[in-house]
Amino acid sequence: MSVDQGGWFPYPPSRPARLIPPIALAYIGDAVYEVAVRQYLLSKANMRPNHLHRSATGLVSAKAQSRILTGIEAELTEEERDIVRQGRNAKSGSIPKNADVLEYRHATALECLIGYLYSSGRHDRMIELIRRGIEHAEQNSQLPTK
């Protein structure tokens, strides 16, 4: 597979993103999204460690990710909607602790989409959707105030 990963991948995936199981895509998508959120928060001025943590939680919790997916869903391509559907229907084998099952499935779907875009080398699109999701969260007051 010769996808230009733009320096993101020390180890490129062994197969095309379409062939990676949705739960595995969600696994990498969760990590990529967490890093993106932390970068976003560090780009803000005067962020104390406690505020960084609370703000990150406000964007990476299953509840927040579910709302973010709802906010960007209309902008998704048909292919992206298909990936979201696969992620939402995937059986993770774990029980959500701080979210209901629907929120947890939507969060997994968002992570699956991010993992898919990341693994297929579509980093510009991935970054665009993450930014739109964060903007949606900000507009809907999902982030804690200082």
N, C-alpha and C. Protein backbone atom coordinates (compact mmCIF):
# COMPACT_ATOMS: atom_id res chain seq x y z
N MET A 1 0.86 -1.18 0.00
CA MET A 1 0.00 0.00 0.00
C MET A 1 0.89 1.23 0.00
N SER A 2 0.71 2.10 -0.96
CA SER A 2 1.58 3.28 -1.03
C SER A 2 0.76 4.55 -0.81
N VAL A 3 0.28 4.71 0.37
CA VAL A 3 -0.46 5.92 0.75
C VAL A 3 0.52 6.86 1.43
N ASP A 4 0.58 8.11 0.96
CA ASP A 4 1.45 9.09 1.61
C ASP A 4 0.83 9.46 2.95
N GLN A 5 1.49 9.08 4.01
CA GLN A 5 0.95 9.32 5.34
C GLN A 5 1.42 10.64 5.92
N GLY A 6 2.20 11.40 5.19
CA GLY A 6 2.58 12.73 5.64
C GLY A 6 3.24 12.75 7.01
N GLY A 7 3.98 11.69 7.35
CA GLY A 7 4.68 11.68 8.62
C GLY A 7 3.84 11.22 9.80
N TRP A 8 2.58 10.93 9.60
CA TRP A 8 1.72 10.52 10.70
C TRP A 8 2.00 9.09 11.14
N PHE A 9 2.38 8.24 10.21
CA PHE A 9 2.51 6.81 10.50
C PHE A 9 3.95 6.36 10.59
N PRO A 10 4.44 6.00 11.78
CA PRO A 10 5.74 5.35 11.83
C PRO A 10 5.64 3.94 11.22
N TYR A 11 4.44 3.34 11.31
CA TYR A 11 4.19 2.01 10.78
C TYR A 11 2.88 2.04 9.99
N PRO A 12 2.97 2.05 8.66
CA PRO A 12 1.74 2.10 7.86
C PRO A 12 0.89 0.84 8.09
N PRO A 13 -0.43 0.96 7.90
CA PRO A 13 -1.29 -0.21 8.09
C PRO A 13 -0.90 -1.32 7.10
N SER A 14 -1.11 -2.54 7.50
CA SER A 14 -0.73 -3.69 6.67
C SER A 14 -1.76 -3.98 5.58
N ARG A 15 -2.90 -3.31 5.64
CA ARG A 15 -3.93 -3.53 4.63
C ARG A 15 -4.71 -2.24 4.42
N PRO A 16 -5.48 -2.16 3.33
CA PRO A 16 -6.28 -0.96 3.08
C PRO A 16 -7.27 -0.71 4.23
N ALA A 17 -7.55 0.55 4.48
CA ALA A 17 -8.45 0.93 5.59
C ALA A 17 -9.80 0.24 5.49
N ARG A 18 -10.30 0.01 4.28
CA ARG A 18 -11.61 -0.61 4.06
C ARG A 18 -11.65 -2.04 4.62
N LEU A 19 -10.45 -2.65 4.77
CA LEU A 19 -10.39 -4.03 5.24
C LEU A 19 -10.05 -4.15 6.72
N ILE A 20 -9.86 -3.03 7.39
CA ILE A 20 -9.58 -3.04 8.82
C ILE A 20 -10.92 -3.10 9.56
N PRO A 21 -11.06 -3.98 10.54
CA PRO A 21 -12.34 -4.08 11.27
C PRO A 21 -12.72 -2.74 11.93
N PRO A 22 -14.01 -2.42 11.96
CA PRO A 22 -14.47 -1.15 12.54
C PRO A 22 -13.96 -0.89 13.96
N ILE A 23 -13.90 -1.91 14.79
CA ILE A 23 -13.42 -1.72 16.16
C ILE A 23 -11.94 -1.34 16.17
N ALA A 24 -11.16 -1.91 15.26
CA ALA A 24 -9.75 -1.54 15.15
C ALA A 24 -9.61 -0.10 14.65
N LEU A 25 -10.46 0.30 13.71
CA LEU A 25 -10.45 1.69 13.24
C LEU A 25 -10.82 2.63 14.39
N ALA A 26 -11.80 2.24 15.19
CA ALA A 26 -12.20 3.07 16.34
C ALA A 26 -11.07 3.15 17.35
N TYR A 27 -10.32 2.09 17.51
CA TYR A 27 -9.19 2.05 18.45
C TYR A 27 -8.15 3.11 18.07
N ILE A 28 -7.75 3.15 16.80
CA ILE A 28 -6.77 4.15 16.38
C ILE A 28 -7.42 5.53 16.30
N GLY A 29 -8.69 5.57 15.90
CA GLY A 29 -9.40 6.85 15.82
C GLY A 29 -9.52 7.53 17.16
N ASP A 30 -9.73 6.75 18.22
CA ASP A 30 -9.80 7.28 19.57
C ASP A 30 -8.50 7.98 19.94
N ALA A 31 -7.38 7.34 19.64
CA ALA A 31 -6.07 7.91 19.97
C ALA A 31 -5.78 9.17 19.15
N VAL A 32 -6.08 9.13 17.86
CA VAL A 32 -5.85 10.29 17.00
C VAL A 32 -6.71 11.46 17.45
N TYR A 33 -7.98 11.19 17.76
CA TYR A 33 -8.89 12.25 18.20
C TYR A 33 -8.42 12.86 19.52
N GLU A 34 -7.97 12.03 20.44
CA GLU A 34 -7.46 12.52 21.73
C GLU A 34 -6.28 13.47 21.51
N VAL A 35 -5.35 13.10 20.64
CA VAL A 35 -4.20 13.97 20.35
C VAL A 35 -4.67 15.28 19.72
N ALA A 36 -5.61 15.20 18.78
CA ALA A 36 -6.12 16.41 18.13
C ALA A 36 -6.77 17.34 19.15
N VAL A 37 -7.54 16.79 20.08
CA VAL A 37 -8.19 17.61 21.11
C VAL A 37 -7.14 18.26 22.00
N ARG A 38 -6.13 17.51 22.38
CA ARG A 38 -5.07 18.08 23.23
C ARG A 38 -4.32 19.19 22.50
N GLN A 39 -4.06 18.99 21.21
CA GLN A 39 -3.40 20.05 20.43
C GLN A 39 -4.28 21.29 20.38
N TYR A 40 -5.57 21.09 20.17
CA TYR A 40 -6.51 22.21 20.13
C TYR A 40 -6.48 22.97 21.45
N LEU A 41 -6.54 22.25 22.55
CA LEU A 41 -6.56 22.91 23.86
C LEU A 41 -5.26 23.64 24.15
N LEU A 42 -4.14 23.07 23.74
CA LEU A 42 -2.86 23.74 23.96
C LEU A 42 -2.71 24.98 23.08
N SER A 43 -3.50 25.07 22.01
CA SER A 43 -3.45 26.26 21.15
C SER A 43 -4.17 27.45 21.79
N LYS A 44 -4.94 27.19 22.84
CA LYS A 44 -5.65 28.24 23.56
C LYS A 44 -4.72 28.89 24.58
N ALA A 45 -4.94 30.15 24.87
CA ALA A 45 -4.10 30.87 25.83
C ALA A 45 -4.52 30.55 27.27
N ASN A 46 -3.56 30.63 28.18
CA ASN A 46 -3.80 30.55 29.62
C ASN A 46 -4.59 29.32 30.07
N MET A 47 -4.18 28.17 29.63
CA MET A 47 -4.88 26.96 30.03
C MET A 47 -4.13 26.30 31.18
N ARG A 48 -4.75 26.26 32.35
CA ARG A 48 -4.18 25.58 33.51
C ARG A 48 -4.44 24.07 33.39
N PRO A 49 -3.57 23.24 34.02
CA PRO A 49 -3.72 21.79 33.89
C PRO A 49 -5.12 21.26 34.22
N ASN A 50 -5.73 21.74 35.29
CA ASN A 50 -7.07 21.28 35.65
C ASN A 50 -8.08 21.65 34.57
N HIS A 51 -7.96 22.85 34.03
CA HIS A 51 -8.87 23.28 32.97
C HIS A 51 -8.63 22.47 31.70
N LEU A 52 -7.37 22.18 31.39
CA LEU A 52 -7.06 21.34 30.23
C LEU A 52 -7.78 20.00 30.35
N HIS A 53 -7.68 19.39 31.51
CA HIS A 53 -8.30 18.08 31.72
C HIS A 53 -9.83 18.15 31.58
N ARG A 54 -10.44 19.13 32.23
CA ARG A 54 -11.91 19.26 32.16
C ARG A 54 -12.36 19.56 30.74
N SER A 55 -11.61 20.42 30.04
CA SER A 55 -11.96 20.76 28.66
C SER A 55 -11.80 19.55 27.74
N ALA A 56 -10.73 18.79 27.95
CA ALA A 56 -10.53 17.59 27.14
C ALA A 56 -11.69 16.62 27.35
N THR A 57 -12.07 16.42 28.60
CA THR A 57 -13.18 15.52 28.91
C THR A 57 -14.46 16.00 28.24
N GLY A 58 -14.63 17.32 28.16
CA GLY A 58 -15.80 17.88 27.50
C GLY A 58 -15.86 17.62 26.01
N LEU A 59 -14.74 17.18 25.44
CA LEU A 59 -14.71 16.88 24.01
C LEU A 59 -14.51 15.40 23.69
N VAL A 60 -13.94 14.64 24.61
CA VAL A 60 -13.63 13.25 24.30
C VAL A 60 -14.56 12.24 24.98
N SER A 61 -15.45 12.69 25.84
CA SER A 61 -16.39 11.75 26.46
C SER A 61 -17.33 11.19 25.39
N ALA A 62 -17.90 10.04 25.67
CA ALA A 62 -18.83 9.42 24.73
C ALA A 62 -20.01 10.35 24.45
N LYS A 63 -20.50 11.02 25.47
CA LYS A 63 -21.62 11.95 25.30
C LYS A 63 -21.23 13.08 24.34
N ALA A 64 -20.04 13.66 24.53
CA ALA A 64 -19.58 14.75 23.67
C ALA A 64 -19.36 14.27 22.24
N GLN A 65 -18.75 13.11 22.09
CA GLN A 65 -18.49 12.58 20.75
C GLN A 65 -19.79 12.27 20.03
N SER A 66 -20.78 11.78 20.75
CA SER A 66 -22.08 11.51 20.16
C SER A 66 -22.70 12.80 19.62
N ARG A 67 -22.64 13.86 20.41
CA ARG A 67 -23.18 15.16 19.97
C ARG A 67 -22.39 15.70 18.79
N ILE A 68 -21.08 15.54 18.82
CA ILE A 68 -20.24 16.02 17.72
C ILE A 68 -20.60 15.29 16.43
N LEU A 69 -20.77 13.97 16.50
CA LEU A 69 -21.16 13.22 15.31
C LEU A 69 -22.48 13.74 14.76
N THR A 70 -23.44 13.97 15.64
CA THR A 70 -24.73 14.51 15.21
C THR A 70 -24.54 15.85 14.51
N GLY A 71 -23.63 16.66 15.02
CA GLY A 71 -23.38 17.99 14.45
C GLY A 71 -22.72 17.99 13.09
N ILE A 72 -21.94 16.96 12.78
CA ILE A 72 -21.24 16.94 11.49
C ILE A 72 -21.84 15.96 10.49
N GLU A 73 -22.79 15.16 10.93
CA GLU A 73 -23.32 14.08 10.09
C GLU A 73 -23.83 14.55 8.73
N ALA A 74 -24.46 15.70 8.68
CA ALA A 74 -25.00 16.20 7.41
C ALA A 74 -23.90 16.52 6.40
N GLU A 75 -22.67 16.72 6.87
CA GLU A 75 -21.56 17.06 5.99
C GLU A 75 -20.81 15.84 5.46
N LEU A 76 -21.19 14.66 5.90
CA LEU A 76 -20.45 13.46 5.53
C LEU A 76 -20.82 12.98 4.13
N THR A 77 -19.83 12.40 3.45
CA THR A 77 -20.07 11.79 2.15
C THR A 77 -20.78 10.46 2.37
N GLU A 78 -21.25 9.87 1.29
CA GLU A 78 -21.91 8.57 1.39
C GLU A 78 -20.95 7.52 1.93
N GLU A 79 -19.71 7.54 1.46
CA GLU A 79 -18.70 6.59 1.95
C GLU A 79 -18.47 6.77 3.45
N GLU A 80 -18.37 8.02 3.90
CA GLU A 80 -18.17 8.30 5.32
C GLU A 80 -19.37 7.86 6.15
N ARG A 81 -20.57 8.06 5.62
CA ARG A 81 -21.77 7.59 6.33
C ARG A 81 -21.77 6.07 6.48
N ASP A 82 -21.27 5.39 5.46
CA ASP A 82 -21.18 3.94 5.51
C ASP A 82 -20.21 3.50 6.60
N ILE A 83 -19.08 4.18 6.72
CA ILE A 83 -18.10 3.87 7.76
C ILE A 83 -18.71 4.15 9.14
N VAL A 84 -19.43 5.26 9.27
CA VAL A 84 -20.11 5.60 10.53
C VAL A 84 -21.11 4.50 10.90
N ARG A 85 -21.87 4.05 9.93
CA ARG A 85 -22.85 2.98 10.18
C ARG A 85 -22.15 1.71 10.67
N GLN A 86 -21.05 1.35 10.01
CA GLN A 86 -20.31 0.16 10.43
C GLN A 86 -19.77 0.31 11.85
N GLY A 87 -19.25 1.49 12.16
CA GLY A 87 -18.73 1.75 13.50
C GLY A 87 -19.83 1.72 14.55
N ARG A 88 -20.98 2.28 14.21
CA ARG A 88 -22.10 2.31 15.15
C ARG A 88 -22.63 0.91 15.43
N ASN A 89 -22.59 0.04 14.42
CA ASN A 89 -23.13 -1.32 14.56
C ASN A 89 -22.11 -2.33 15.06
N ALA A 90 -20.85 -1.92 15.19
CA ALA A 90 -19.80 -2.85 15.62
C ALA A 90 -20.01 -3.24 17.08
N LYS A 91 -19.71 -4.48 17.37
CA LYS A 91 -19.82 -4.98 18.75
C LYS A 91 -18.47 -4.82 19.42
N SER A 92 -18.41 -3.97 20.43
CA SER A 92 -17.13 -3.69 21.08
C SER A 92 -16.81 -4.66 22.19
N GLY A 93 -17.80 -5.30 22.76
CA GLY A 93 -17.56 -6.24 23.85
C GLY A 93 -17.42 -5.58 25.20
N SER A 94 -17.51 -4.24 25.24
CA SER A 94 -17.42 -3.56 26.54
C SER A 94 -18.72 -2.83 26.81
N ILE A 95 -18.93 -2.55 28.07
CA ILE A 95 -20.15 -1.87 28.51
C ILE A 95 -19.79 -0.43 28.86
N PRO A 96 -20.53 0.54 28.33
CA PRO A 96 -20.22 1.94 28.65
C PRO A 96 -20.42 2.24 30.13
N LYS A 97 -19.51 3.02 30.70
CA LYS A 97 -19.59 3.35 32.13
C LYS A 97 -20.32 4.67 32.38
N ASN A 98 -20.03 5.68 31.59
CA ASN A 98 -20.58 7.02 31.84
C ASN A 98 -21.44 7.53 30.70
N ALA A 99 -21.99 6.62 29.92
CA ALA A 99 -22.84 7.03 28.80
C ALA A 99 -23.88 5.94 28.56
N ASP A 100 -24.96 6.32 27.92
CA ASP A 100 -25.92 5.27 27.57
C ASP A 100 -25.42 4.56 26.31
N VAL A 101 -26.05 3.45 25.98
CA VAL A 101 -25.58 2.61 24.88
C VAL A 101 -25.59 3.36 23.55
N LEU A 102 -26.62 4.16 23.30
CA LEU A 102 -26.70 4.90 22.04
C LEU A 102 -25.56 5.91 21.92
N GLU A 103 -25.29 6.65 22.99
CA GLU A 103 -24.17 7.60 22.98
C GLU A 103 -22.85 6.87 22.74
N TYR A 104 -22.69 5.74 23.39
CA TYR A 104 -21.46 4.96 23.25
C TYR A 104 -21.28 4.48 21.81
N ARG A 105 -22.36 4.02 21.20
CA ARG A 105 -22.29 3.56 19.80
C ARG A 105 -21.98 4.71 18.85
N HIS A 106 -22.57 5.87 19.10
CA HIS A 106 -22.27 7.04 18.25
C HIS A 106 -20.83 7.49 18.43
N ALA A 107 -20.32 7.43 19.66
CA ALA A 107 -18.92 7.79 19.91
C ALA A 107 -18.00 6.82 19.18
N THR A 108 -18.32 5.54 19.23
CA THR A 108 -17.53 4.54 18.52
C THR A 108 -17.58 4.80 17.02
N ALA A 109 -18.73 5.21 16.52
CA ALA A 109 -18.87 5.52 15.10
C ALA A 109 -17.98 6.69 14.70
N LEU A 110 -17.94 7.74 15.52
CA LEU A 110 -17.07 8.89 15.23
C LEU A 110 -15.61 8.45 15.25
N GLU A 111 -15.22 7.69 16.24
CA GLU A 111 -13.84 7.21 16.33
C GLU A 111 -13.50 6.32 15.14
N CYS A 112 -14.43 5.50 14.70
CA CYS A 112 -14.24 4.64 13.54
C CYS A 112 -14.00 5.49 12.29
N LEU A 113 -14.79 6.53 12.12
CA LEU A 113 -14.62 7.43 10.97
C LEU A 113 -13.25 8.10 11.00
N ILE A 114 -12.86 8.61 12.15
CA ILE A 114 -11.55 9.25 12.27
C ILE A 114 -10.45 8.24 11.99
N GLY A 115 -10.58 7.04 12.53
CA GLY A 115 -9.60 5.98 12.27
C GLY A 115 -9.52 5.60 10.81
N TYR A 116 -10.67 5.57 10.15
CA TYR A 116 -10.71 5.25 8.72
C TYR A 116 -10.01 6.33 7.90
N LEU A 117 -10.34 7.58 8.16
CA LEU A 117 -9.71 8.68 7.42
C LEU A 117 -8.22 8.72 7.69
N TYR A 118 -7.84 8.51 8.92
CA TYR A 118 -6.43 8.47 9.30
C TYR A 118 -5.70 7.33 8.59
N SER A 119 -6.26 6.14 8.64
CA SER A 119 -5.63 4.95 8.06
C SER A 119 -5.59 4.97 6.54
N SER A 120 -6.52 5.69 5.92
CA SER A 120 -6.54 5.76 4.46
C SER A 120 -5.76 6.97 3.94
N GLY A 121 -5.11 7.70 4.84
CA GLY A 121 -4.27 8.82 4.42
C GLY A 121 -5.03 10.09 4.09
N ARG A 122 -6.30 10.16 4.45
CA ARG A 122 -7.12 11.35 4.16
C ARG A 122 -7.07 12.31 5.34
N HIS A 123 -5.88 12.75 5.64
CA HIS A 123 -5.67 13.57 6.83
C HIS A 123 -6.31 14.94 6.73
N ASP A 124 -6.33 15.54 5.54
CA ASP A 124 -6.97 16.85 5.39
C ASP A 124 -8.45 16.76 5.74
N ARG A 125 -9.12 15.73 5.24
CA ARG A 125 -10.54 15.56 5.52
C ARG A 125 -10.76 15.25 7.00
N MET A 126 -9.90 14.42 7.55
CA MET A 126 -9.99 14.08 8.97
C MET A 126 -9.87 15.35 9.83
N ILE A 127 -8.88 16.16 9.54
CA ILE A 127 -8.66 17.40 10.30
C ILE A 127 -9.85 18.33 10.13
N GLU A 128 -10.38 18.43 8.91
CA GLU A 128 -11.54 19.28 8.65
C GLU A 128 -12.73 18.86 9.51
N LEU A 129 -13.01 17.56 9.57
CA LEU A 129 -14.15 17.08 10.36
C LEU A 129 -13.91 17.24 11.86
N ILE A 130 -12.69 17.03 12.31
CA ILE A 130 -12.39 17.24 13.73
C ILE A 130 -12.59 18.71 14.08
N ARG A 131 -12.11 19.60 13.23
CA ARG A 131 -12.29 21.04 13.49
C ARG A 131 -13.76 21.42 13.52
N ARG A 132 -14.52 20.91 12.56
CA ARG A 132 -15.96 21.21 12.54
C ARG A 132 -16.66 20.66 13.78
N GLY A 133 -16.24 19.49 14.21
CA GLY A 133 -16.81 18.91 15.42
C GLY A 133 -16.52 19.74 16.65
N ILE A 134 -15.29 20.22 16.76
CA ILE A 134 -14.93 21.08 17.90
C ILE A 134 -15.69 22.39 17.83
N GLU A 135 -15.81 22.97 16.63
CA GLU A 135 -16.60 24.20 16.47
C GLU A 135 -18.05 23.96 16.90
N HIS A 136 -18.60 22.82 16.50
CA HIS A 136 -19.97 22.48 16.89
C HIS A 136 -20.09 22.39 18.41
N ALA A 137 -19.10 21.76 19.04
CA ALA A 137 -19.11 21.63 20.50
C ALA A 137 -19.03 23.00 21.16
N GLU A 138 -18.18 23.88 20.63
CA GLU A 138 -18.06 25.23 21.19
C GLU A 138 -19.36 26.01 21.05
N GLN A 139 -19.98 25.93 19.89
CA GLN A 139 -21.22 26.67 19.64
C GLN A 139 -22.36 26.17 20.52
N ASN A 140 -22.29 24.92 20.91
CA ASN A 140 -23.35 24.34 21.73
C ASN A 140 -22.94 24.24 23.19
N SER A 141 -21.95 25.03 23.58
CA SER A 141 -21.50 25.14 24.97
C SER A 141 -21.18 23.81 25.62
N GLN A 142 -20.48 22.95 24.92
CA GLN A 142 -20.10 21.66 25.50
C GLN A 142 -18.77 21.76 26.24
N LEU A 143 -18.08 22.88 26.10
CA LEU A 143 -16.78 23.01 26.76
C LEU A 143 -16.95 23.75 28.07
N PRO A 144 -16.27 23.29 29.12
CA PRO A 144 -16.35 24.01 30.40
C PRO A 144 -15.72 25.38 30.28
N THR A 145 -16.23 26.33 31.02
CA THR A 145 -15.62 27.66 31.04
C THR A 145 -14.51 27.68 32.06
N LYS A 146 -13.64 28.69 31.95
CA LYS A 146 -12.53 28.81 32.89
C LYS A 146 -13.08 29.01 34.25
